[in-house]
Amino acid sequence: MRRDSVRRGYVLLLHGWTGSGTDHWQSWLAAELPRYGVTVDHPRLPDPAHPDLDSWLPVLRHRLGTVPPDADLVVLTHSLGGILWLHHAATLSGRTRRAHRVLLVAPPTVNAIHPGWNGFRSVVLDARGVRLAASTTRMVAGQGDPYSSQAESRALAAELGVELDVVPGGEHLNADSGFQRWPAALEWALGTRASVLDNAPIST
């Protein structure tokens, strides 16, 4: 893997419900990417055990506003973090910082979103907003994900107009599913591969 593969790279990681623990692939990425000269922002969103869209969305937009204008912004989301991004995309206004590439990993179906996660179930699936929010958006789903069936994931990707990768046996693509270290996601973040399907996760 070339260490110069990303010039002025900037990666924003958006966690889901309860956050990303130390054994989650997002936390692993946050530690690995700086070795390649990439700036990483991995914010802990407010009260992650009790997600509230009105609290999370302003943090996302503030973080986007701090990205240097000449940086290549790459965003990797997991689970509810992906739904947060879709809310952002559907409600763009003004000169919001546009991402170069976005990876939506295991976004749950709206019906799987807990009613107590304030504001998240009202998401409008806006394909135009997704195109405005990023030059390229890709979605990854795990086979056997309890929060979204393959049919639901395919329907979501189709409605958003984005490419979909389905990881065999990937379930929710989190630490409990064996995704503590995820080299393919690292390479995708660095721009050295287009898909995460050719490389299996390596558990710790």
C-alpha atoms as a PDB file:
ATOM      1  CA  MET A   1       0.000   0.000   0.000  1.00  0.00           C
ATOM      2  CA  ARG A   2       1.524   3.343  -1.035  1.00  0.00           C
ATOM      3  CA  ARG A   3       1.918   5.851   1.761  1.00  0.00           C
ATOM      4  CA  ASP A   4       1.545   8.746  -0.689  1.00  0.00           C
ATOM      5  CA  SER A   5      -1.781   7.493  -2.028  1.00  0.00           C
ATOM      6  CA  VAL A   6      -3.753  10.336  -0.427  1.00  0.00           C
ATOM      7  CA  ARG A   7      -2.561  13.913  -0.812  1.00  0.00           C
ATOM      8  CA  ARG A   8      -3.776  16.102   2.052  1.00  0.00           C
ATOM      9  CA  GLY A   9      -6.258  13.406   2.959  1.00  0.00           C
ATOM     10  CA  TYR A  10      -8.852  14.102   5.645  1.00  0.00           C
ATOM     11  CA  VAL A  11     -11.104  11.335   6.957  1.00  0.00           C
ATOM     12  CA  LEU A  12     -14.219  11.901   9.045  1.00  0.00           C
ATOM     13  CA  LEU A  13     -15.570   8.852  10.904  1.00  0.00           C
ATOM     14  CA  LEU A  14     -19.198   8.910  12.063  1.00  0.00           C
ATOM     15  CA  HIS A  15     -20.165   6.290  14.618  1.00  0.00           C
ATOM     16  CA  GLY A  16     -23.566   4.802  15.324  1.00  0.00           C
ATOM     17  CA  TRP A  17     -25.602   4.033  18.407  1.00  0.00           C
ATOM     18  CA  THR A  18     -23.449   3.887  21.600  1.00  0.00           C
ATOM     19  CA  GLY A  19     -20.346   4.966  19.645  1.00  0.00           C
ATOM     20  CA  SER A  20     -17.341   3.002  18.392  1.00  0.00           C
ATOM     21  CA  GLY A  21     -15.571   1.048  21.114  1.00  0.00           C
ATOM     22  CA  THR A  22     -11.838   0.448  21.192  1.00  0.00           C
ATOM     23  CA  ASP A  23     -12.270  -2.848  19.307  1.00  0.00           C
ATOM     24  CA  HIS A  24     -14.385  -1.358  16.489  1.00  0.00           C
ATOM     25  CA  TRP A  25     -12.915  -0.984  12.983  1.00  0.00           C
ATOM     26  CA  GLN A  26     -13.542   2.767  13.104  1.00  0.00           C
ATOM     27  CA  SER A  27     -11.286   3.109  16.149  1.00  0.00           C
ATOM     28  CA  TRP A  28      -8.677   0.964  14.403  1.00  0.00           C
ATOM     29  CA  LEU A  29      -8.882   3.187  11.329  1.00  0.00           C
ATOM     30  CA  ALA A  30      -8.508   6.297  13.470  1.00  0.00           C
ATOM     31  CA  ALA A  31      -5.185   4.916  14.722  1.00  0.00           C
ATOM     32  CA  GLU A  32      -3.956   3.591  11.367  1.00  0.00           C
ATOM     33  CA  LEU A  33      -4.694   6.436   8.960  1.00  0.00           C
ATOM     34  CA  PRO A  34      -2.283   9.007  10.451  1.00  0.00           C
ATOM     35  CA  ARG A  35       0.550   6.627   9.540  1.00  0.00           C
ATOM     36  CA  TYR A  36      -0.258   7.447   5.915  1.00  0.00           C
ATOM     37  CA  GLY A  37      -0.265  11.190   6.459  1.00  0.00           C
ATOM     38  CA  VAL A  38      -4.046  11.391   6.721  1.00  0.00           C
ATOM     39  CA  THR A  39      -5.785  13.688   9.197  1.00  0.00           C
ATOM     40  CA  VAL A  40      -8.554  11.878  11.079  1.00  0.00           C
ATOM     41  CA  ASP A  41     -11.577  13.301  12.859  1.00  0.00           C
ATOM     42  CA  HIS A  42     -13.460  10.700  14.910  1.00  0.00           C
ATOM     43  CA  PRO A  43     -15.837  12.728  17.085  1.00  0.00           C
ATOM     44  CA  ARG A  44     -17.859  11.266  19.898  1.00  0.00           C
ATOM     45  CA  LEU A  45     -21.338  12.532  19.128  1.00  0.00           C
ATOM     46  CA  PRO A  46     -23.449  13.812  22.048  1.00  0.00           C
ATOM     47  CA  ASP A  47     -24.872  11.130  24.372  1.00  0.00           C
ATOM     48  CA  PRO A  48     -24.347   8.270  21.887  1.00  0.00           C
ATOM     49  CA  ALA A  49     -26.501   5.874  23.930  1.00  0.00           C
ATOM     50  CA  HIS A  50     -29.466   8.215  23.406  1.00  0.00           C
ATOM     51  CA  PRO A  51     -29.113   9.595  19.855  1.00  0.00           C
ATOM     52  CA  ASP A  52     -30.865  12.859  19.118  1.00  0.00           C
ATOM     53  CA  LEU A  53     -30.799  14.239  15.594  1.00  0.00           C
ATOM     54  CA  ASP A  54     -31.060  17.838  16.793  1.00  0.00           C
ATOM     55  CA  SER A  55     -27.872  17.296  18.810  1.00  0.00           C
ATOM     56  CA  TRP A  56     -25.936  15.174  16.320  1.00  0.00           C
ATOM     57  CA  LEU A  57     -26.564  17.070  13.080  1.00  0.00           C
ATOM     58  CA  PRO A  58     -25.060  20.406  14.214  1.00  0.00           C
ATOM     59  CA  VAL A  59     -21.910  18.565  15.364  1.00  0.00           C
ATOM     60  CA  LEU A  60     -21.558  16.914  11.962  1.00  0.00           C
ATOM     61  CA  ARG A  61     -21.930  20.223  10.161  1.00  0.00           C
ATOM     62  CA  HIS A  62     -19.513  21.961  12.504  1.00  0.00           C
ATOM     63  CA  ARG A  63     -16.929  19.257  11.831  1.00  0.00           C
ATOM     64  CA  LEU A  64     -17.443  19.592   8.093  1.00  0.00           C
ATOM     65  CA  GLY A  65     -16.860  23.306   8.434  1.00  0.00           C
ATOM     66  CA  THR A  66     -13.445  22.754  10.003  1.00  0.00           C
ATOM     67  CA  VAL A  67     -12.092  20.674   7.107  1.00  0.00           C
ATOM     68  CA  PRO A  68      -9.372  22.585   5.195  1.00  0.00           C
ATOM     69  CA  PRO A  69     -10.719  23.712   1.804  1.00  0.00           C
ATOM     70  CA  ASP A  70      -7.860  22.065  -0.098  1.00  0.00           C
ATOM     71  CA  ALA A  71      -8.195  18.673   1.619  1.00  0.00           C
ATOM     72  CA  ASP A  72      -9.730  15.589   0.026  1.00  0.00           C
ATOM     73  CA  LEU A  73     -12.543  14.824   2.457  1.00  0.00           C
ATOM     74  CA  VAL A  74     -13.508  11.162   2.848  1.00  0.00           C
ATOM     75  CA  VAL A  75     -16.345  10.131   5.187  1.00  0.00           C
ATOM     76  CA  LEU A  76     -16.909   6.634   6.570  1.00  0.00           C
ATOM     77  CA  THR A  77     -20.062   6.060   8.572  1.00  0.00           C
ATOM     78  CA  HIS A  78     -21.320   3.074  10.513  1.00  0.00           C
ATOM     79  CA  SER A  79     -24.934   2.169  11.203  1.00  0.00           C
ATOM     80  CA  LEU A  80     -26.834   5.161  12.620  1.00  0.00           C
ATOM     81  CA  GLY A  81     -23.969   7.399  11.506  1.00  0.00           C
ATOM     82  CA  GLY A  82     -25.061   6.621   7.956  1.00  0.00           C
ATOM     83  CA  ILE A  83     -28.616   7.691   8.719  1.00  0.00           C
ATOM     84  CA  LEU A  84     -27.171  10.889  10.188  1.00  0.00           C
ATOM     85  CA  TRP A  85     -25.363  11.500   6.890  1.00  0.00           C
ATOM     86  CA  LEU A  86     -28.587  10.922   4.942  1.00  0.00           C
ATOM     87  CA  HIS A  87     -30.386  13.479   7.110  1.00  0.00           C
ATOM     88  CA  HIS A  88     -27.537  15.880   6.401  1.00  0.00           C
ATOM     89  CA  ALA A  89     -27.745  15.211   2.657  1.00  0.00           C
ATOM     90  CA  ALA A  90     -31.520  15.682   2.602  1.00  0.00           C
ATOM     91  CA  THR A  91     -31.355  19.062   4.345  1.00  0.00           C
ATOM     92  CA  LEU A  92     -28.332  20.721   2.739  1.00  0.00           C
ATOM     93  CA  SER A  93     -28.328  24.483   2.748  1.00  0.00           C
ATOM     94  CA  GLY A  94     -25.850  27.205   1.948  1.00  0.00           C
ATOM     95  CA  ARG A  95     -22.236  26.352   1.167  1.00  0.00           C
ATOM     96  CA  THR A  96     -21.942  23.125   3.130  1.00  0.00           C
ATOM     97  CA  ARG A  97     -18.557  21.390   2.757  1.00  0.00           C
ATOM     98  CA  ARG A  98     -18.854  18.680   0.089  1.00  0.00           C
ATOM     99  CA  ALA A  99     -17.155  15.336   0.603  1.00  0.00           C
ATOM    100  CA  HIS A 100     -15.019  13.705  -2.064  1.00  0.00           C
ATOM    101  CA  ARG A 101     -16.135  10.166  -1.171  1.00  0.00           C
ATOM    102  CA  VAL A 102     -18.552   8.666   1.362  1.00  0.00           C
ATOM    103  CA  LEU A 103     -18.909   5.051   2.522  1.00  0.00           C
ATOM    104  CA  LEU A 104     -22.197   4.178   4.228  1.00  0.00           C
ATOM    105  CA  VAL A 105     -21.521   1.007   6.203  1.00  0.00           C
ATOM    106  CA  ALA A 106     -24.507  -1.027   7.459  1.00  0.00           C
ATOM    107  CA  PRO A 107     -27.140   1.718   7.624  1.00  0.00           C
ATOM    108  CA  PRO A 108     -30.213   0.258   9.339  1.00  0.00           C
ATOM    109  CA  THR A 109     -33.602   0.187   7.711  1.00  0.00           C
ATOM    110  CA  VAL A 110     -35.835   2.937   9.038  1.00  0.00           C
ATOM    111  CA  ASN A 111     -38.117   0.338  10.622  1.00  0.00           C
ATOM    112  CA  ALA A 112     -35.166  -0.945  12.671  1.00  0.00           C
ATOM    113  CA  ILE A 113     -34.436   2.473  14.150  1.00  0.00           C
ATOM    114  CA  HIS A 114     -35.554   2.603  17.774  1.00  0.00           C
ATOM    115  CA  PRO A 115     -38.405   5.077  18.383  1.00  0.00           C
ATOM    116  CA  GLY A 116     -36.339   6.546  21.227  1.00  0.00           C
ATOM    117  CA  TRP A 117     -33.631   7.691  18.805  1.00  0.00           C
ATOM    118  CA  ASN A 118     -35.130  11.127  18.440  1.00  0.00           C
ATOM    119  CA  GLY A 119     -35.603  12.412  14.921  1.00  0.00           C
ATOM    120  CA  PHE A 120     -33.860   9.641  13.009  1.00  0.00           C
ATOM    121  CA  ARG A 121     -36.903   7.782  11.738  1.00  0.00           C
ATOM    122  CA  SER A 122     -38.119  10.798   9.759  1.00  0.00           C
ATOM    123  CA  VAL A 123     -35.278  10.597   7.227  1.00  0.00           C
ATOM    124  CA  VAL A 124     -36.110  11.578   3.678  1.00  0.00           C
ATOM    125  CA  LEU A 125     -34.215   9.461   1.149  1.00  0.00           C
ATOM    126  CA  ASP A 126     -32.982  12.157  -1.197  1.00  0.00           C
ATOM    127  CA  ALA A 127     -30.829  10.876  -4.075  1.00  0.00           C
ATOM    128  CA  ARG A 128     -30.184  14.416  -5.297  1.00  0.00           C
ATOM    129  CA  GLY A 129     -29.043  15.465  -1.815  1.00  0.00           C
ATOM    130  CA  VAL A 130     -26.697  12.489  -1.661  1.00  0.00           C
ATOM    131  CA  ARG A 131     -25.138  13.599  -4.956  1.00  0.00           C
ATOM    132  CA  LEU A 132     -24.761  17.147  -3.669  1.00  0.00           C
ATOM    133  CA  ALA A 133     -23.238  16.011  -0.364  1.00  0.00           C
ATOM    134  CA  ALA A 134     -20.446  13.980  -2.001  1.00  0.00           C
ATOM    135  CA  SER A 135     -18.914  13.355  -5.395  1.00  0.00           C
ATOM    136  CA  THR A 136     -19.120   9.586  -4.833  1.00  0.00           C
ATOM    137  CA  THR A 137     -21.179   7.633  -2.320  1.00  0.00           C
ATOM    138  CA  ARG A 138     -21.008   3.871  -1.845  1.00  0.00           C
ATOM    139  CA  MET A 139     -22.940   1.613   0.506  1.00  0.00           C
ATOM    140  CA  VAL A 140     -21.802  -1.592   2.206  1.00  0.00           C
ATOM    141  CA  ALA A 141     -24.152  -4.102   3.811  1.00  0.00           C
ATOM    142  CA  GLY A 142     -23.466  -7.336   5.627  1.00  0.00           C
ATOM    143  CA  GLN A 143     -25.233 -10.560   4.817  1.00  0.00           C
ATOM    144  CA  GLY A 144     -27.364 -11.466   7.835  1.00  0.00           C
ATOM    145  CA  ASP A 145     -27.498  -7.952   9.289  1.00  0.00           C
ATOM    146  CA  PRO A 146     -30.281  -7.965  11.941  1.00  0.00           C
ATOM    147  CA  TYR A 147     -30.906  -4.260  11.276  1.00  0.00           C
ATOM    148  CA  SER A 148     -31.421  -4.558   7.513  1.00  0.00           C
ATOM    149  CA  SER A 149     -32.144  -7.497   5.230  1.00  0.00           C
ATOM    150  CA  GLN A 150     -30.347  -7.809   1.905  1.00  0.00           C
ATOM    151  CA  ALA A 151     -33.567  -6.874   0.130  1.00  0.00           C
ATOM    152  CA  GLU A 152     -33.940  -3.757   2.273  1.00  0.00           C
ATOM    153  CA  SER A 153     -30.304  -2.794   1.734  1.00  0.00           C
ATOM    154  CA  ARG A 154     -30.631  -3.221  -2.026  1.00  0.00           C
ATOM    155  CA  ALA A 155     -33.822  -1.149  -2.043  1.00  0.00           C
ATOM    156  CA  LEU A 156     -32.130   1.631  -0.057  1.00  0.00           C
ATOM    157  CA  ALA A 157     -29.099   1.698  -2.348  1.00  0.00           C
ATOM    158  CA  ALA A 158     -31.364   1.800  -5.403  1.00  0.00           C
ATOM    159  CA  GLU A 159     -33.431   4.654  -3.999  1.00  0.00           C
ATOM    160  CA  LEU A 160     -30.282   6.622  -3.193  1.00  0.00           C
ATOM    161  CA  GLY A 161     -28.742   5.818  -6.567  1.00  0.00           C
ATOM    162  CA  VAL A 162     -25.515   4.429  -5.083  1.00  0.00           C
ATOM    163  CA  GLU A 163     -23.434   1.293  -5.603  1.00  0.00           C
ATOM    164  CA  LEU A 164     -23.879  -1.481  -3.024  1.00  0.00           C
ATOM    165  CA  ASP A 165     -21.407  -4.097  -1.791  1.00  0.00           C
ATOM    166  CA  VAL A 166     -22.763  -7.033   0.229  1.00  0.00           C
ATOM    167  CA  VAL A 167     -20.190  -8.705   2.481  1.00  0.00           C
ATOM    168  CA  PRO A 168     -20.853 -12.457   2.840  1.00  0.00           C
ATOM    169  CA  GLY A 169     -21.534 -13.294   6.492  1.00  0.00           C
ATOM    170  CA  GLY A 170     -20.768  -9.706   7.484  1.00  0.00           C
ATOM    171  CA  GLU A 171     -23.856  -9.243   9.669  1.00  0.00           C
ATOM    172  CA  HIS A 172     -23.764  -5.701  11.149  1.00  0.00           C
ATOM    173  CA  LEU A 173     -20.114  -5.140  10.152  1.00  0.00           C
ATOM    174  CA  ASN A 174     -19.087  -4.264  13.696  1.00  0.00           C
ATOM    175  CA  ALA A 175     -16.708  -5.697  16.275  1.00  0.00           C
ATOM    176  CA  ASP A 176     -19.210  -8.351  17.333  1.00  0.00           C
ATOM    177  CA  SER A 177     -19.277  -9.532  13.706  1.00  0.00           C
ATOM    178  CA  GLY A 178     -15.478  -9.855  13.614  1.00  0.00           C
ATOM    179  CA  PHE A 179     -14.682  -6.450  12.155  1.00  0.00           C
ATOM    180  CA  GLN A 180     -12.091  -5.120  14.564  1.00  0.00           C
ATOM    181  CA  ARG A 181      -9.369  -4.590  11.947  1.00  0.00           C
ATOM    182  CA  TRP A 182     -10.649  -4.025   8.418  1.00  0.00           C
ATOM    183  CA  PRO A 183      -7.780  -3.625   5.930  1.00  0.00           C
ATOM    184  CA  ALA A 184     -10.114  -3.274   2.944  1.00  0.00           C
ATOM    185  CA  ALA A 185     -11.807  -0.274   4.568  1.00  0.00           C
ATOM    186  CA  LEU A 186      -8.389   1.243   5.196  1.00  0.00           C
ATOM    187  CA  GLU A 187      -7.477   0.848   1.533  1.00  0.00           C
ATOM    188  CA  TRP A 188     -10.829   2.290   0.478  1.00  0.00           C
ATOM    189  CA  ALA A 189     -10.253   5.301   2.739  1.00  0.00           C
ATOM    190  CA  LEU A 190      -6.829   5.771   1.178  1.00  0.00           C
ATOM    191  CA  GLY A 191      -8.271   5.607  -2.318  1.00  0.00           C
ATOM    192  CA  THR A 192      -6.357   2.501  -3.374  1.00  0.00           C
ATOM    193  CA  ARG A 193      -9.417   0.325  -3.975  1.00  0.00           C
ATOM    194  CA  ALA A 194     -12.968   0.906  -5.175  1.00  0.00           C
ATOM    195  CA  SER A 195     -14.673  -1.834  -3.157  1.00  0.00           C
ATOM    196  CA  VAL A 196     -14.223  -3.528   0.208  1.00  0.00           C
ATOM    197  CA  LEU A 197     -15.284  -6.946  -1.060  1.00  0.00           C
ATOM    198  CA  ASP A 198     -11.919  -8.382  -2.123  1.00  0.00           C
ATOM    199  CA  ASN A 199     -10.412  -8.490   1.351  1.00  0.00           C
ATOM    200  CA  ALA A 200     -11.829 -10.316   4.348  1.00  0.00           C
ATOM    201  CA  PRO A 201     -11.685  -8.720   7.822  1.00  0.00           C
ATOM    202  CA  ILE A 202      -8.901  -9.762  10.155  1.00  0.00           C
ATOM    203  CA  SER A 203     -10.029 -10.224  13.748  1.00  0.00           C
ATOM    204  CA  THR A 204      -7.832  -9.432  16.711  1.00  0.00           C
END
